[in-house]
C-alpha cells in the first residue's frame, strides 16, 4: 500500500492532473531512481519496512554486480539461496536480475540497483531540505513522475501558476508532524559521537548471555 498506492499510483494521478505540464504524468528512466527511492522511503517512514525486505534489496545489488562480472543464473540463484534458504524466493530474486537479459551472465537487468540508490538520494534530499528550513518543497515530490533534482524548476513553475499542488498524498506528508519530529531528532543524534558509548555497552555486556526471544 505505502509503496505502490501512496507513491506510484498517487504520483501517476497527480501527474495526470497537471494540464500545463503533462510530462509529469509519464514515467521514464530519468524518474525511476526518485520514484523507487521515494517508494522505499515510504515503506521505512510508515513502519512497513522489515529487515528481511531491506536485506533482499541489498542482496539484489550484490547479485547484479555478480552477473555483470559474468555469474550465470544458477550461480546467482545459489547466492540468493545462501541468503534466504527459501528456494522460491531465491528463484524470484534471481529472475529479477536476469529478466530480459541473458542467463549466461554479463548482461543483467540492472533496475533493482535504483531502489537503494534512490533511497539514499531521497532520504538525504528530504533531510537536507528540512535542515535547510525548506520543508515547504516536500509536497512537490508528489506532483507527478519527476527527478528530485527537478524541485528548483518545479518551485518556479508553481510560483508561475503552471504547476498544480498534488491532490493525493501519503499520510506522512499530508500530516508531516511525525516526519518533522523524526528528522529533528535524527539531525540532533547524527551530531553525537557514540563511539565511547558503544565501548561502554560492549564492556557492560561482555559476559551477559544473549537473550533468545
Protein backbone atom coordinates (compact mmCIF):
# COMPACT_ATOMS: atom_id res chain seq x y z
CA UNK A 1 0.00 0.00 0.00
CA UNK A 2 2.69 2.51 1.01
CA UNK A 3 4.99 1.63 -1.90
CA UNK A 4 2.58 1.09 -4.79
CA UNK A 5 -0.56 3.04 -3.87
CA UNK A 6 0.71 6.02 -1.89
CA UNK A 7 3.70 6.63 -4.18
CA UNK A 8 3.43 5.11 -7.67
CA UNK A 9 -0.35 5.41 -8.05
CA UNK A 10 -0.56 8.78 -6.31
CA UNK A 11 2.19 10.39 -8.41
CA UNK A 12 0.56 9.00 -11.56
CA UNK A 13 -2.80 10.54 -10.66
CA UNK A 14 -1.23 13.82 -9.59
CA UNK A 15 0.78 13.90 -12.81
CA UNK A 16 -2.34 13.40 -14.94
CA UNK A 17 -3.86 16.44 -13.26
CA UNK A 18 -1.02 18.67 -14.50
CA UNK A 19 -2.76 20.11 -17.56
CA UNK A 20 0.06 22.58 -18.23
CA UNK A 21 2.82 20.03 -17.62
CA UNK A 22 1.58 16.70 -19.00
CA UNK A 23 5.13 15.34 -18.97
CA UNK A 24 4.73 14.83 -15.22
CA UNK A 25 2.22 12.05 -15.94
CA UNK A 26 4.79 9.97 -17.83
CA UNK A 27 7.39 7.87 -16.07
CA UNK A 28 10.72 7.41 -17.85
CA UNK A 29 14.24 6.22 -16.95
CA UNK A 30 15.13 9.68 -15.64
CA UNK A 31 12.43 9.49 -12.96
CA UNK A 32 12.86 5.86 -11.89
CA UNK A 33 15.52 6.47 -9.27
CA UNK A 34 13.48 9.09 -7.42
CA UNK A 35 10.21 7.17 -7.81
CA UNK A 36 11.58 3.91 -6.41
CA UNK A 37 13.65 5.68 -3.77
CA UNK A 38 10.57 7.58 -2.61
CA UNK A 39 8.57 4.34 -2.54
CA UNK A 40 11.16 2.53 -0.41
CA UNK A 41 11.44 5.59 1.84
CA UNK A 42 7.65 5.44 2.26
CA UNK A 43 7.95 1.84 3.44
CA UNK A 44 10.51 2.88 6.06
CA UNK A 45 8.84 6.05 7.32
CA UNK A 46 5.45 4.32 7.59
CA UNK A 47 6.88 1.43 9.63
CA UNK A 48 6.13 -1.07 6.85
CA UNK A 49 9.75 -2.00 6.14
CA UNK A 50 11.20 -5.11 7.75
CA UNK A 51 14.81 -6.29 7.92
CA UNK A 52 14.21 -9.19 5.50
CA UNK A 53 12.85 -6.79 2.87
CA UNK A 54 15.84 -4.44 3.30
CA UNK A 55 18.23 -7.38 3.05
CA UNK A 56 16.60 -8.53 -0.21
CA UNK A 57 17.05 -5.08 -1.73
CA UNK A 58 20.72 -5.07 -0.76
CA UNK A 59 21.28 -8.66 -1.93
CA UNK A 60 19.92 -7.78 -5.37
CA UNK A 61 22.58 -5.10 -5.76
CA UNK A 62 25.33 -7.62 -4.99
CA UNK A 63 23.70 -10.15 -7.34
CA UNK A 64 23.54 -7.65 -10.19
CA UNK A 65 27.25 -6.94 -9.75
CA UNK A 66 27.91 -10.70 -9.79
CA UNK A 67 26.02 -11.02 -13.07
CA UNK A 68 27.83 -8.04 -14.57
CA UNK A 69 31.08 -9.82 -13.77
CA UNK A 70 29.87 -12.97 -15.53
CA UNK A 71 27.92 -15.05 -12.99
CA UNK A 72 25.17 -17.07 -14.67
CA UNK A 73 21.60 -17.67 -13.48
CA UNK A 74 22.43 -20.75 -11.39
CA UNK A 75 25.33 -19.03 -9.63
CA UNK A 76 23.15 -16.07 -8.73
CA UNK A 77 20.32 -18.39 -7.68
CA UNK A 78 22.70 -20.27 -5.34
CA UNK A 79 23.87 -16.93 -3.90
CA UNK A 80 20.28 -15.97 -3.07
CA UNK A 81 19.63 -19.43 -1.68
CA UNK A 82 22.50 -18.92 0.77
CA UNK A 83 20.95 -15.63 1.86
CA UNK A 84 17.34 -16.75 2.22
CA UNK A 85 17.23 -20.58 2.44
CA UNK A 86 13.92 -20.21 0.56
CA UNK A 87 14.06 -21.76 -2.94
CA UNK A 88 11.03 -19.87 -4.27
CA UNK A 89 12.28 -16.52 -3.04
CA UNK A 90 15.80 -17.25 -4.30
CA UNK A 91 14.42 -18.09 -7.75
CA UNK A 92 12.27 -14.94 -7.85
CA UNK A 93 15.23 -12.75 -6.86
CA UNK A 94 17.45 -14.37 -9.49
CA UNK A 95 14.69 -13.97 -12.09
CA UNK A 96 14.57 -10.23 -11.39
CA UNK A 97 18.29 -9.95 -12.10
CA UNK A 98 18.11 -11.80 -15.44
CA UNK A 99 14.74 -10.67 -16.81
CA UNK A 100 15.23 -9.51 -20.38
CA UNK A 101 18.93 -10.35 -20.24
CA UNK A 102 20.97 -13.48 -20.90
CA UNK A 103 21.05 -16.27 -18.33
CA UNK A 104 24.72 -16.96 -19.01
CA UNK A 105 25.71 -13.70 -17.31
CA UNK A 106 27.31 -10.46 -18.41
CA UNK A 107 24.13 -8.54 -19.28
CA UNK A 108 21.70 -8.40 -16.32
CA UNK A 109 18.67 -6.18 -15.84
CA UNK A 110 20.09 -3.51 -13.53
CA UNK A 111 16.94 -1.65 -12.49
CA UNK A 112 16.93 -3.05 -8.95
CA UNK A 113 20.07 -1.04 -8.20
CA UNK A 114 17.93 2.11 -8.11
CA UNK A 115 15.94 1.00 -5.07
CA UNK A 116 18.82 1.61 -2.66
CA UNK A 117 20.47 4.33 -4.77
CA UNK A 118 17.16 6.16 -4.93
CA UNK A 119 16.52 5.62 -1.23
CA UNK A 120 19.82 7.29 -0.39
CA UNK A 121 19.08 10.19 -2.74
CA UNK A 122 15.56 10.75 -1.43
CA UNK A 123 16.50 10.32 2.24
CA UNK A 124 19.40 12.75 2.00
CA UNK A 125 17.32 15.16 -0.04
CA UNK A 126 14.37 15.21 2.38
CA UNK A 127 16.60 15.50 5.44
CA UNK A 128 18.67 18.25 3.80
CA UNK A 129 15.58 20.21 2.77
CA UNK A 130 14.32 20.01 6.33
CA UNK A 131 17.70 21.00 7.81
CA UNK A 132 17.88 23.94 5.37
CA UNK A 133 14.47 25.17 6.52
CA UNK A 134 12.80 24.29 3.20
CA UNK A 135 10.35 21.59 4.19
CA UNK A 136 7.83 23.57 2.11
CA UNK A 137 9.13 21.84 -1.04
CA UNK A 138 8.50 18.28 0.12
CA UNK A 139 4.97 18.12 -1.29
CA UNK A 140 6.32 18.92 -4.74
CA UNK A 141 7.89 15.45 -4.81
CA UNK A 142 4.37 14.11 -5.35
CA UNK A 143 3.26 16.40 -8.19
CA UNK A 144 3.97 13.66 -10.73
CA UNK A 145 6.75 11.50 -12.11
CA UNK A 146 9.88 13.55 -11.59
CA UNK A 147 13.52 13.57 -10.56
CA UNK A 148 14.41 15.04 -7.17
CA UNK A 149 16.76 17.47 -8.93
CA UNK A 150 13.72 18.96 -10.71
CA UNK A 151 12.48 20.56 -7.47
CA UNK A 152 14.01 24.05 -8.06
CA UNK A 153 12.36 24.24 -11.50
CA UNK A 154 9.08 23.00 -10.05
CA UNK A 155 9.20 25.76 -7.43
CA UNK A 156 9.45 28.30 -10.27
CA UNK A 157 6.62 26.66 -12.20
CA UNK A 158 4.43 26.57 -9.08
CA UNK A 159 5.06 30.28 -8.47
CA UNK A 160 4.05 30.96 -12.08
CA UNK A 161 0.79 29.05 -11.62
CA UNK A 162 1.73 26.33 -14.10
CA UNK A 163 2.13 23.55 -11.54
CA UNK A 164 -0.79 22.25 -9.51
CA UNK A 165 -0.37 21.20 -5.89
CA UNK A 166 -0.65 17.41 -5.54
CA UNK A 167 -4.11 16.19 -4.54
CA UNK A 168 -3.11 12.70 -3.46
CA UNK A 169 -0.50 12.45 -0.72
CA UNK A 170 0.69 9.73 1.66
CA UNK A 171 -0.29 10.28 5.30
CA UNK A 172 3.24 11.16 6.40
CA UNK A 173 3.28 14.12 4.02
CA UNK A 174 -0.32 15.28 4.31
CA UNK A 175 0.27 15.43 8.08
CA UNK A 176 4.07 15.74 8.37
CA UNK A 177 4.32 16.26 12.14
CA UNK A 178 5.79 12.80 12.73
CA UNK A 179 8.25 13.21 9.85
CA UNK A 180 9.42 16.60 11.11
CA UNK A 181 9.78 15.32 14.68
CA UNK A 182 11.76 12.33 13.45
CA UNK A 183 14.14 14.47 11.41
CA UNK A 184 14.58 16.91 14.27
CA UNK A 185 15.64 14.01 16.45
CA UNK A 186 17.81 12.30 13.81
CA UNK A 187 19.57 15.55 12.88
CA UNK A 188 20.43 16.05 16.54
CA UNK A 189 21.55 12.43 17.03
CA UNK A 190 23.76 12.49 13.94
CA UNK A 191 25.85 15.18 15.61
CA UNK A 192 26.59 12.96 18.61
CA UNK A 193 29.60 10.66 18.58
CA UNK A 194 28.56 7.29 20.01
CA UNK A 195 31.92 5.53 19.84
CA UNK A 196 32.57 5.74 23.58
CA UNK A 197 29.00 4.71 24.35
CA UNK A 198 29.43 1.59 22.21
CA UNK A 199 32.62 0.69 24.04
CA UNK A 200 30.91 1.08 27.41
CA UNK A 201 27.96 -1.11 26.36
CA UNK A 202 30.32 -3.75 24.97
CA UNK A 203 32.16 -3.87 28.29
CA UNK A 204 28.96 -3.96 30.33
CA UNK A 205 27.50 -6.81 28.27
CA UNK A 206 30.72 -8.71 27.60
CA UNK A 207 29.75 -11.57 29.91
CA UNK A 208 25.97 -11.25 29.64
CA UNK A 209 24.25 -14.15 27.85
CA UNK A 210 22.43 -13.44 24.59
CA UNK A 211 18.68 -13.15 25.13
CA UNK A 212 16.84 -15.61 22.91
CA UNK A 213 13.36 -14.31 22.12
